[in-house]
C-alpha atoms as a PDB file:
ATOM      1  CA  MET A   1      19.519 -11.810  12.507  1.00  0.00           C
ATOM      2  CA  LYS A   2      17.072 -11.294  15.381  1.00  0.00           C
ATOM      3  CA  VAL A   3      17.173  -7.827  16.951  1.00  0.00           C
ATOM      4  CA  GLU A   4      17.535  -7.870  20.761  1.00  0.00           C
ATOM      5  CA  LYS A   5      17.824  -5.300  23.543  1.00  0.00           C
ATOM      6  CA  GLY A   6      21.289  -3.766  23.616  1.00  0.00           C
ATOM      7  CA  ASP A   7      22.099  -4.374  19.946  1.00  0.00           C
ATOM      8  CA  LEU A   8      23.797  -1.623  17.943  1.00  0.00           C
ATOM      9  CA  VAL A   9      21.716  -1.072  14.801  1.00  0.00           C
ATOM     10  CA  ALA A  10      21.867   1.055  11.659  1.00  0.00           C
ATOM     11  CA  CYS A  11      19.399   2.241   9.037  1.00  0.00           C
ATOM     12  CA  TYR A  12      20.524   2.764   5.456  1.00  0.00           C
ATOM     13  CA  VAL A  13      18.954   4.585   2.514  1.00  0.00           C
ATOM     14  CA  MET A  14      19.194   3.393  -1.073  1.00  0.00           C
ATOM     15  CA  ASN A  15      17.396   4.662  -4.150  1.00  0.00           C
ATOM     16  CA  SER A  16      17.792   4.474  -7.894  1.00  0.00           C
ATOM     17  CA  SER A  17      20.033   7.550  -8.070  1.00  0.00           C
ATOM     18  CA  MET A  18      22.618   6.040  -5.692  1.00  0.00           C
ATOM     19  CA  GLU A  19      25.186   3.388  -6.573  1.00  0.00           C
ATOM     20  CA  THR A  20      25.648   2.283  -2.966  1.00  0.00           C
ATOM     21  CA  GLU A  21      23.582   2.548   0.185  1.00  0.00           C
ATOM     22  CA  ALA A  22      24.240   5.441   2.579  1.00  0.00           C
ATOM     23  CA  LEU A  23      24.021   5.431   6.367  1.00  0.00           C
ATOM     24  CA  MET A  24      20.956   7.351   7.508  1.00  0.00           C
ATOM     25  CA  GLN A  25      20.819   6.643  11.280  1.00  0.00           C
ATOM     26  CA  TYR A  26      22.357   4.412  13.921  1.00  0.00           C
ATOM     27  CA  GLY A  27      21.300   3.655  17.457  1.00  0.00           C
ATOM     28  CA  ILE A  28      20.864   1.184  20.291  1.00  0.00           C
ATOM     29  CA  VAL A  29      17.844  -1.044  20.863  1.00  0.00           C
ATOM     30  CA  LEU A  30      16.278  -0.357  24.274  1.00  0.00           C
ATOM     31  CA  ASP A  31      13.188  -2.588  24.019  1.00  0.00           C
ATOM     32  CA  THR A  32      11.414  -4.970  21.659  1.00  0.00           C
ATOM     33  CA  ASN A  33       7.793  -5.896  20.992  1.00  0.00           C
ATOM     34  CA  PRO A  34       7.765  -9.361  19.375  1.00  0.00           C
ATOM     35  CA  ALA A  35       3.977  -9.281  18.839  1.00  0.00           C
ATOM     36  CA  LEU A  36       4.292  -6.262  16.521  1.00  0.00           C
ATOM     37  CA  ASN A  37       7.893  -6.906  15.360  1.00  0.00           C
ATOM     38  CA  ASP A  38       8.795  -3.438  16.649  1.00  0.00           C
ATOM     39  CA  VAL A  39      11.943  -2.160  18.344  1.00  0.00           C
ATOM     40  CA  LEU A  40      12.459   0.904  20.546  1.00  0.00           C
ATOM     41  CA  VAL A  41      15.611   2.641  19.315  1.00  0.00           C
ATOM     42  CA  LEU A  42      17.567   5.563  20.774  1.00  0.00           C
ATOM     43  CA  ASP A  43      19.200   6.999  17.646  1.00  0.00           C
ATOM     44  CA  ASN A  44      22.271   9.147  17.005  1.00  0.00           C
ATOM     45  CA  THR A  45      20.202  12.358  17.054  1.00  0.00           C
ATOM     46  CA  GLY A  46      18.829  11.610  20.528  1.00  0.00           C
ATOM     47  CA  TYR A  47      15.318  10.570  19.485  1.00  0.00           C
ATOM     48  CA  LEU A  48      13.608   7.606  21.145  1.00  0.00           C
ATOM     49  CA  ARG A  49      11.022   5.974  18.892  1.00  0.00           C
ATOM     50  CA  TRP A  50       9.342   2.673  18.059  1.00  0.00           C
ATOM     51  CA  TRP A  51      10.164   1.334  14.584  1.00  0.00           C
ATOM     52  CA  ASN A  52       9.429  -1.808  12.612  1.00  0.00           C
ATOM     53  CA  GLU A  53      12.468  -4.064  13.071  1.00  0.00           C
ATOM     54  CA  LYS A  54      12.818  -4.468   9.268  1.00  0.00           C
ATOM     55  CA  ARG A  55      14.033  -0.861   9.121  1.00  0.00           C
ATOM     56  CA  TRP A  56      17.162  -1.661  11.146  1.00  0.00           C
ATOM     57  CA  ARG A  57      20.208  -3.810  10.422  1.00  0.00           C
ATOM     58  CA  VAL A  58      22.218  -5.189  13.339  1.00  0.00           C
ATOM     59  CA  LEU A  59      25.803  -3.879  13.340  1.00  0.00           C
ATOM     60  CA  GLN A  60      26.907  -5.529  16.558  1.00  0.00           C
ATOM     61  CA  LYS A  61      25.131  -8.002  18.804  1.00  0.00           C
ATOM     62  CA  THR A  62      25.116  -7.277  22.500  1.00  0.00           C
ATOM     63  CA  LYS A  63      27.364  -9.529  24.559  1.00  0.00           C
ATOM     64  CA  LYS A  64      25.168  -9.121  27.618  1.00  0.00           C
ATOM     65  CA  PRO A  65      21.471  -8.325  26.985  1.00  0.00           C
ATOM     66  CA  LEU A  66      19.999  -5.348  28.835  1.00  0.00           C
ATOM     67  CA  ASP A  67      17.890  -6.187  31.890  1.00  0.00           C
ATOM     68  CA  SER A  68      14.137  -5.592  31.758  1.00  0.00           C
END
C-alpha cells in the first residue's frame, strides 16, 4: 500500500525471541519524498523525522490528503 500524506502509520518490532510483533511507534505522515522513498512522520513521542517508507505500515488511509 502506497504511503501518502495524512496516512496513519505504525512501526512494529519483531525478533527471534518474540512470538508476535510488538508495536514500537505510530504516527501521521506529513510529507513524502518519492525520489528517495522517504516519509516525514510525526510520531507518538512528538518527534518529526524522515524515515524510509519500508519502516512504516499504513494503519488507516487518509480520506482527504493533506494540502501541500
